């Protein structure tokens, strides 16, 4: 599953997290990559397809618009 997400990130993950970095153990690498994907990349990082909003911002705006309608 990690490798599938790694490939889906289009190289962004490599550039932002692991470029020129050595992890002490494989477990450390898995933990830090998973945290990056789940906490930053999926929730906080601004996404072009969401109008340059983070998923959290997009969700908040979406539900605010539903309530206003």
PDB file of N, CA and C in Angstrom:
ATOM      1  N   UNK A   1       0.823  -1.185   0.000  1.00  0.00           N
ATOM      2  CA  UNK A   1       0.000   0.000   0.000  1.00  0.00           C
ATOM      3  C   UNK A   1       0.872   1.255   0.000  1.00  0.00           C
ATOM      4  N   UNK A   2       1.941   1.257   0.767  1.00  0.00           N
ATOM      5  CA  UNK A   2       2.840   2.415   0.803  1.00  0.00           C
ATOM      6  C   UNK A   2       3.399   2.690  -0.587  1.00  0.00           C
ATOM      7  N   UNK A   3       3.842   1.641  -1.280  1.00  0.00           N
ATOM      8  CA  UNK A   3       4.434   1.832  -2.604  1.00  0.00           C
ATOM      9  C   UNK A   3       3.411   2.366  -3.597  1.00  0.00           C
ATOM     10  N   UNK A   4       2.168   1.928  -3.493  1.00  0.00           N
ATOM     11  CA  UNK A   4       1.125   2.418  -4.391  1.00  0.00           C
ATOM     12  C   UNK A   4       0.938   3.917  -4.176  1.00  0.00           C
ATOM     13  N   UNK A   5       0.900   4.348  -2.930  1.00  0.00           N
ATOM     14  CA  UNK A   5       0.751   5.773  -2.635  1.00  0.00           C
ATOM     15  C   UNK A   5       2.000   6.544  -3.040  1.00  0.00           C
ATOM     16  N   UNK A   6       3.171   5.934  -2.846  1.00  0.00           N
ATOM     17  CA  UNK A   6       4.428   6.565  -3.237  1.00  0.00           C
ATOM     18  C   UNK A   6       4.390   6.885  -4.728  1.00  0.00           C
ATOM     19  N   UNK A   7       4.006   5.912  -5.534  1.00  0.00           N
ATOM     20  CA  UNK A   7       3.963   6.107  -6.983  1.00  0.00           C
ATOM     21  C   UNK A   7       2.895   7.114  -7.368  1.00  0.00           C
ATOM     22  N   UNK A   8       1.764   7.120  -6.671  1.00  0.00           N
ATOM     23  CA  UNK A   8       0.666   8.025  -6.987  1.00  0.00           C
ATOM     24  C   UNK A   8       1.007   9.482  -6.697  1.00  0.00           C
ATOM     25  N   UNK A   9       1.980   9.725  -5.849  1.00  0.00           N
ATOM     26  CA  UNK A   9       2.315  11.102  -5.480  1.00  0.00           C
ATOM     27  C   UNK A   9       3.078  11.829  -6.582  1.00  0.00           C
ATOM     28  N   UNK A  10       3.486  11.115  -7.611  1.00  0.00           N
ATOM     29  CA  UNK A  10       4.138  11.748  -8.747  1.00  0.00           C
ATOM     30  C   UNK A  10       5.493  12.350  -8.438  1.00  0.00           C
ATOM     31  N   UNK A  11       6.198  11.822  -7.486  1.00  0.00           N
ATOM     32  CA  UNK A  11       7.530  12.306  -7.165  1.00  0.00           C
ATOM     33  C   UNK A  11       7.562  13.406  -6.126  1.00  0.00           C
ATOM     34  N   UNK A  12       6.405  13.949  -5.770  1.00  0.00           N
ATOM     35  CA  UNK A  12       6.359  15.020  -4.782  1.00  0.00           C
ATOM     36  C   UNK A  12       6.868  14.527  -3.436  1.00  0.00           C
ATOM     37  N   UNK A  13       6.462  13.341  -3.080  1.00  0.00           N
ATOM     38  CA  UNK A  13       6.888  12.764  -1.805  1.00  0.00           C
ATOM     39  C   UNK A  13       8.401  12.642  -1.742  1.00  0.00           C
ATOM     40  N   UNK A  14       8.999  12.156  -2.826  1.00  0.00           N
ATOM     41  CA  UNK A  14      10.458  12.022  -2.853  1.00  0.00           C
ATOM     42  C   UNK A  14      11.124  13.373  -2.676  1.00  0.00           C
ATOM     43  N   UNK A  15      10.623  14.372  -3.363  1.00  0.00           N
ATOM     44  CA  UNK A  15      11.221  15.696  -3.310  1.00  0.00           C
ATOM     45  C   UNK A  15      11.066  16.330  -1.933  1.00  0.00           C
ATOM     46  N   UNK A  16       9.868  16.233  -1.360  1.00  0.00           N
ATOM     47  CA  UNK A  16       9.587  16.938  -0.118  1.00  0.00           C
ATOM     48  C   UNK A  16      10.049  16.208   1.140  1.00  0.00           C
ATOM     49  N   UNK A  17      10.163  14.893   1.092  1.00  0.00           N
ATOM     50  CA  UNK A  17      10.451  14.165   2.322  1.00  0.00           C
ATOM     51  C   UNK A  17      11.769  13.412   2.314  1.00  0.00           C
ATOM     52  N   UNK A  18      12.076  12.702   1.256  1.00  0.00           N
ATOM     53  CA  UNK A  18      13.198  11.770   1.341  1.00  0.00           C
ATOM     54  C   UNK A  18      14.414  12.120   0.491  1.00  0.00           C
ATOM     55  N   UNK A  19      14.333  13.151  -0.313  1.00  0.00           N
ATOM     56  CA  UNK A  19      15.471  13.508  -1.158  1.00  0.00           C
ATOM     57  C   UNK A  19      16.675  13.859  -0.283  1.00  0.00           C
ATOM     58  N   UNK A  20      17.800  13.218  -0.567  1.00  0.00           N
ATOM     59  CA  UNK A  20      19.050  13.427   0.184  1.00  0.00           C
ATOM     60  C   UNK A  20      18.907  13.128   1.677  1.00  0.00           C
ATOM     61  N   UNK A  21      18.101  12.146   2.017  1.00  0.00           N
ATOM     62  CA  UNK A  21      17.891  11.790   3.421  1.00  0.00           C
ATOM     63  C   UNK A  21      18.088  10.300   3.605  1.00  0.00           C
ATOM     64  N   UNK A  22      18.693   9.925   4.711  1.00  0.00           N
ATOM     65  CA  UNK A  22      18.862   8.507   5.049  1.00  0.00           C
ATOM     66  C   UNK A  22      18.058   8.219   6.309  1.00  0.00           C
ATOM     67  N   UNK A  23      17.280   7.166   6.246  1.00  0.00           N
ATOM     68  CA  UNK A  23      16.550   6.707   7.421  1.00  0.00           C
ATOM     69  C   UNK A  23      17.399   5.648   8.115  1.00  0.00           C
ATOM     70  N   UNK A  24      17.354   5.625   9.428  1.00  0.00           N
ATOM     71  CA  UNK A  24      18.158   4.675  10.190  1.00  0.00           C
ATOM     72  C   UNK A  24      17.650   3.252   9.991  1.00  0.00           C
ATOM     73  N   UNK A  25      16.336   3.084  10.034  1.00  0.00           N
ATOM     74  CA  UNK A  25      15.747   1.754   9.851  1.00  0.00           C
ATOM     75  C   UNK A  25      14.628   1.820   8.825  1.00  0.00           C
ATOM     76  N   UNK A  26      14.283   0.675   8.317  1.00  0.00           N
ATOM     77  CA  UNK A  26      13.158   0.594   7.380  1.00  0.00           C
ATOM     78  C   UNK A  26      11.867   1.025   8.080  1.00  0.00           C
ATOM     79  N   UNK A  27      11.716   0.622   9.344  1.00  0.00           N
ATOM     80  CA  UNK A  27      10.519   0.982  10.110  1.00  0.00           C
ATOM     81  C   UNK A  27      10.401   2.496  10.262  1.00  0.00           C
ATOM     82  N   UNK A  28      11.514   3.181  10.486  1.00  0.00           N
ATOM     83  CA  UNK A  28      11.496   4.636  10.593  1.00  0.00           C
ATOM     84  C   UNK A  28      11.032   5.250   9.276  1.00  0.00           C
ATOM     85  N   UNK A  29      11.523   4.735   8.168  1.00  0.00           N
ATOM     86  CA  UNK A  29      11.124   5.241   6.856  1.00  0.00           C
ATOM     87  C   UNK A  29       9.630   5.040   6.638  1.00  0.00           C
ATOM     88  N   UNK A  30       9.143   3.846   6.925  1.00  0.00           N
ATOM     89  CA  UNK A  30       7.718   3.557   6.745  1.00  0.00           C
ATOM     90  C   UNK A  30       6.871   4.479   7.616  1.00  0.00           C
ATOM     91  N   UNK A  31       7.278   4.662   8.865  1.00  0.00           N
ATOM     92  CA  UNK A  31       6.514   5.499   9.785  1.00  0.00           C
ATOM     93  C   UNK A  31       6.475   6.948   9.312  1.00  0.00           C
ATOM     94  N   UNK A  32       7.617   7.501   8.949  1.00  0.00           N
ATOM     95  CA  UNK A  32       7.656   8.906   8.545  1.00  0.00           C
ATOM     96  C   UNK A  32       6.946   9.146   7.220  1.00  0.00           C
ATOM     97  N   UNK A  33       7.072   8.226   6.286  1.00  0.00           N
ATOM     98  CA  UNK A  33       6.382   8.369   5.005  1.00  0.00           C
ATOM     99  C   UNK A  33       4.876   8.269   5.203  1.00  0.00           C
ATOM    100  N   UNK A  34       4.442   7.324   6.026  1.00  0.00           N
ATOM    101  CA  UNK A  34       3.013   7.172   6.301  1.00  0.00           C
ATOM    102  C   UNK A  34       2.455   8.418   6.978  1.00  0.00           C
ATOM    103  N   UNK A  35       3.166   8.945   7.966  1.00  0.00           N
ATOM    104  CA  UNK A  35       2.723  10.169   8.639  1.00  0.00           C
ATOM    105  C   UNK A  35       2.638  11.328   7.653  1.00  0.00           C
ATOM    106  N   UNK A  36       3.629  11.454   6.789  1.00  0.00           N
ATOM    107  CA  UNK A  36       3.624  12.528   5.800  1.00  0.00           C
ATOM    108  C   UNK A  36       2.396  12.427   4.900  1.00  0.00           C
ATOM    109  N   UNK A  37       2.129  11.222   4.408  1.00  0.00           N
ATOM    110  CA  UNK A  37       0.994  11.028   3.505  1.00  0.00           C
ATOM    111  C   UNK A  37      -0.323  11.291   4.223  1.00  0.00           C
ATOM    112  N   UNK A  38      -0.505  10.680   5.370  1.00  0.00           N
ATOM    113  CA  UNK A  38      -1.785  10.757   6.072  1.00  0.00           C
ATOM    114  C   UNK A  38      -2.043  12.117   6.716  1.00  0.00           C
ATOM    115  N   UNK A  39      -1.014  12.748   7.247  1.00  0.00           N
ATOM    116  CA  UNK A  39      -1.211  14.002   7.977  1.00  0.00           C
ATOM    117  C   UNK A  39      -1.031  15.221   7.084  1.00  0.00           C
ATOM    118  N   UNK A  40       0.045  15.277   6.344  1.00  0.00           N
ATOM    119  CA  UNK A  40       0.308  16.480   5.551  1.00  0.00           C
ATOM    120  C   UNK A  40      -0.264  16.386   4.144  1.00  0.00           C
ATOM    121  N   UNK A  41       0.167  15.404   3.382  1.00  0.00           N
ATOM    122  CA  UNK A  41      -0.185  15.355   1.966  1.00  0.00           C
ATOM    123  C   UNK A  41      -1.689  15.225   1.754  1.00  0.00           C
ATOM    124  N   UNK A  42      -2.350  14.350   2.493  1.00  0.00           N
ATOM    125  CA  UNK A  42      -3.777  14.121   2.284  1.00  0.00           C
ATOM    126  C   UNK A  42      -4.670  15.160   2.939  1.00  0.00           C
ATOM    127  N   UNK A  43      -4.201  15.875   3.944  1.00  0.00           N
ATOM    128  CA  UNK A  43      -5.079  16.781   4.688  1.00  0.00           C
ATOM    129  C   UNK A  43      -4.719  18.253   4.576  1.00  0.00           C
ATOM    130  N   UNK A  44      -3.433  18.575   4.521  1.00  0.00           N
ATOM    131  CA  UNK A  44      -3.019  19.969   4.639  1.00  0.00           C
ATOM    132  C   UNK A  44      -2.456  20.569   3.357  1.00  0.00           C
ATOM    133  N   UNK A  45      -1.852  19.757   2.531  1.00  0.00           N
ATOM    134  CA  UNK A  45      -1.183  20.272   1.343  1.00  0.00           C
ATOM    135  C   UNK A  45      -2.204  20.788   0.339  1.00  0.00           C
ATOM    136  N   UNK A  46      -1.975  21.969  -0.197  1.00  0.00           N
ATOM    137  CA  UNK A  46      -2.895  22.551  -1.174  1.00  0.00           C
ATOM    138  C   UNK A  46      -2.858  21.736  -2.461  1.00  0.00           C
ATOM    139  N   UNK A  47      -4.044  21.457  -2.984  1.00  0.00           N
ATOM    140  CA  UNK A  47      -4.182  20.606  -4.161  1.00  0.00           C
ATOM    141  C   UNK A  47      -4.709  21.424  -5.340  1.00  0.00           C
ATOM    142  N   UNK A  48      -4.083  21.294  -6.469  1.00  0.00           N
ATOM    143  CA  UNK A  48      -4.520  22.010  -7.666  1.00  0.00           C
ATOM    144  C   UNK A  48      -5.958  21.665  -8.019  1.00  0.00           C
ATOM    145  N   UNK A  49      -6.300  20.384  -7.944  1.00  0.00           N
ATOM    146  CA  UNK A  49      -7.644  19.953  -8.347  1.00  0.00           C
ATOM    147  C   UNK A  49      -8.736  20.450  -7.396  1.00  0.00           C
ATOM    148  N   UNK A  50      -8.363  20.968  -6.249  1.00  0.00           N
ATOM    149  CA  UNK A  50      -9.329  21.520  -5.297  1.00  0.00           C
ATOM    150  C   UNK A  50      -9.285  23.047  -5.291  1.00  0.00           C
ATOM    151  N   UNK A  51      -8.812  23.623  -6.372  1.00  0.00           N
ATOM    152  CA  UNK A  51      -8.739  25.077  -6.461  1.00  0.00           C
ATOM    153  C   UNK A  51      -7.678  25.667  -5.555  1.00  0.00           C
ATOM    154  N   UNK A  52      -6.595  24.949  -5.384  1.00  0.00           N
ATOM    155  CA  UNK A  52      -5.463  25.347  -4.544  1.00  0.00           C
ATOM    156  C   UNK A  52      -5.866  25.547  -3.080  1.00  0.00           C
ATOM    157  N   UNK A  53      -6.819  24.734  -2.639  1.00  0.00           N
ATOM    158  CA  UNK A  53      -7.175  24.662  -1.228  1.00  0.00           C
ATOM    159  C   UNK A  53      -6.673  23.339  -0.683  1.00  0.00           C
ATOM    160  N   UNK A  54      -6.444  23.283   0.607  1.00  0.00           N
ATOM    161  CA  UNK A  54      -6.122  21.996   1.217  1.00  0.00           C
ATOM    162  C   UNK A  54      -7.416  21.193   1.290  1.00  0.00           C
ATOM    163  N   UNK A  55      -7.327  19.873   1.383  1.00  0.00           N
ATOM    164  CA  UNK A  55      -8.553  19.089   1.522  1.00  0.00           C
ATOM    165  C   UNK A  55      -9.396  19.535   2.723  1.00  0.00           C
ATOM    166  N   UNK A  56      -8.761  19.909   3.815  1.00  0.00           N
ATOM    167  CA  UNK A  56      -9.509  20.381   4.985  1.00  0.00           C
ATOM    168  C   UNK A  56     -10.236  21.690   4.675  1.00  0.00           C
ATOM    169  N   UNK A  57      -9.561  22.623   4.000  1.00  0.00           N
ATOM    170  CA  UNK A  57     -10.191  23.887   3.627  1.00  0.00           C
ATOM    171  C   UNK A  57     -11.328  23.662   2.637  1.00  0.00           C
ATOM    172  N   UNK A  58     -11.099  22.783   1.666  1.00  0.00           N
ATOM    173  CA  UNK A  58     -12.119  22.487   0.668  1.00  0.00           C
ATOM    174  C   UNK A  58     -13.364  21.907   1.328  1.00  0.00           C
ATOM    175  N   UNK A  59     -13.162  20.973   2.238  1.00  0.00           N
ATOM    176  CA  UNK A  59     -14.277  20.346   2.944  1.00  0.00           C
ATOM    177  C   UNK A  59     -15.049  21.377   3.767  1.00  0.00           C
ATOM    178  N   UNK A  60     -14.325  22.225   4.465  1.00  0.00           N
ATOM    179  CA  UNK A  60     -14.961  23.261   5.277  1.00  0.00           C
ATOM    180  C   UNK A  60     -15.786  24.203   4.394  1.00  0.00           C
ATOM    181  N   UNK A  61     -15.225  24.623   3.276  1.00  0.00           N
ATOM    182  CA  UNK A  61     -15.926  25.515   2.354  1.00  0.00           C
ATOM    183  C   UNK A  61     -17.145  24.817   1.752  1.00  0.00           C
ATOM    184  N   UNK A  62     -17.004  23.556   1.402  1.00  0.00           N
ATOM    185  CA  UNK A  62     -18.094  22.787   0.810  1.00  0.00           C
ATOM    186  C   UNK A  62     -19.290  22.726   1.758  1.00  0.00           C
ATOM    187  N   UNK A  63     -19.034  22.361   3.018  1.00  0.00           N
ATOM    188  CA  UNK A  63     -20.131  22.243   3.978  1.00  0.00           C
ATOM    189  C   UNK A  63     -20.711  23.602   4.362  1.00  0.00           C
ATOM    190  N   UNK A  64     -19.911  24.640   4.377  1.00  0.00           N
ATOM    191  CA  UNK A  64     -20.422  25.987   4.634  1.00  0.00           C
ATOM    192  C   UNK A  64     -21.370  26.408   3.516  1.00  0.00           C
ATOM    193  N   UNK A  65     -21.013  26.074   2.273  1.00  0.00           N
ATOM    194  CA  UNK A  65     -21.883  26.396   1.137  1.00  0.00           C
ATOM    195  C   UNK A  65     -23.183  25.606   1.188  1.00  0.00           C
ATOM    196  N   UNK A  66     -23.132  24.368   1.638  1.00  0.00           N
ATOM    197  CA  UNK A  66     -24.353  23.563   1.770  1.00  0.00           C
ATOM    198  C   UNK A  66     -25.301  24.170   2.801  1.00  0.00           C
ATOM    199  N   UNK A  67     -24.742  24.625   3.909  1.00  0.00           N
ATOM    200  CA  UNK A  67     -25.568  25.225   4.955  1.00  0.00           C
ATOM    201  C   UNK A  67     -26.175  26.552   4.505  1.00  0.00           C
ATOM    202  N   UNK A  68     -25.432  27.297   3.689  1.00  0.00           N
ATOM    203  CA  UNK A  68     -25.902  28.595   3.216  1.00  0.00           C
ATOM    204  C   UNK A  68     -26.989  28.458   2.148  1.00  0.00           C
ATOM    205  N   UNK A  69     -27.019  27.329   1.476  1.00  0.00           N
ATOM    206  CA  UNK A  69     -27.986  27.141   0.374  1.00  0.00           C
ATOM    207  C   UNK A  69     -29.374  26.817   0.858  1.00  0.00           C
TER     208      UNK A  69
END
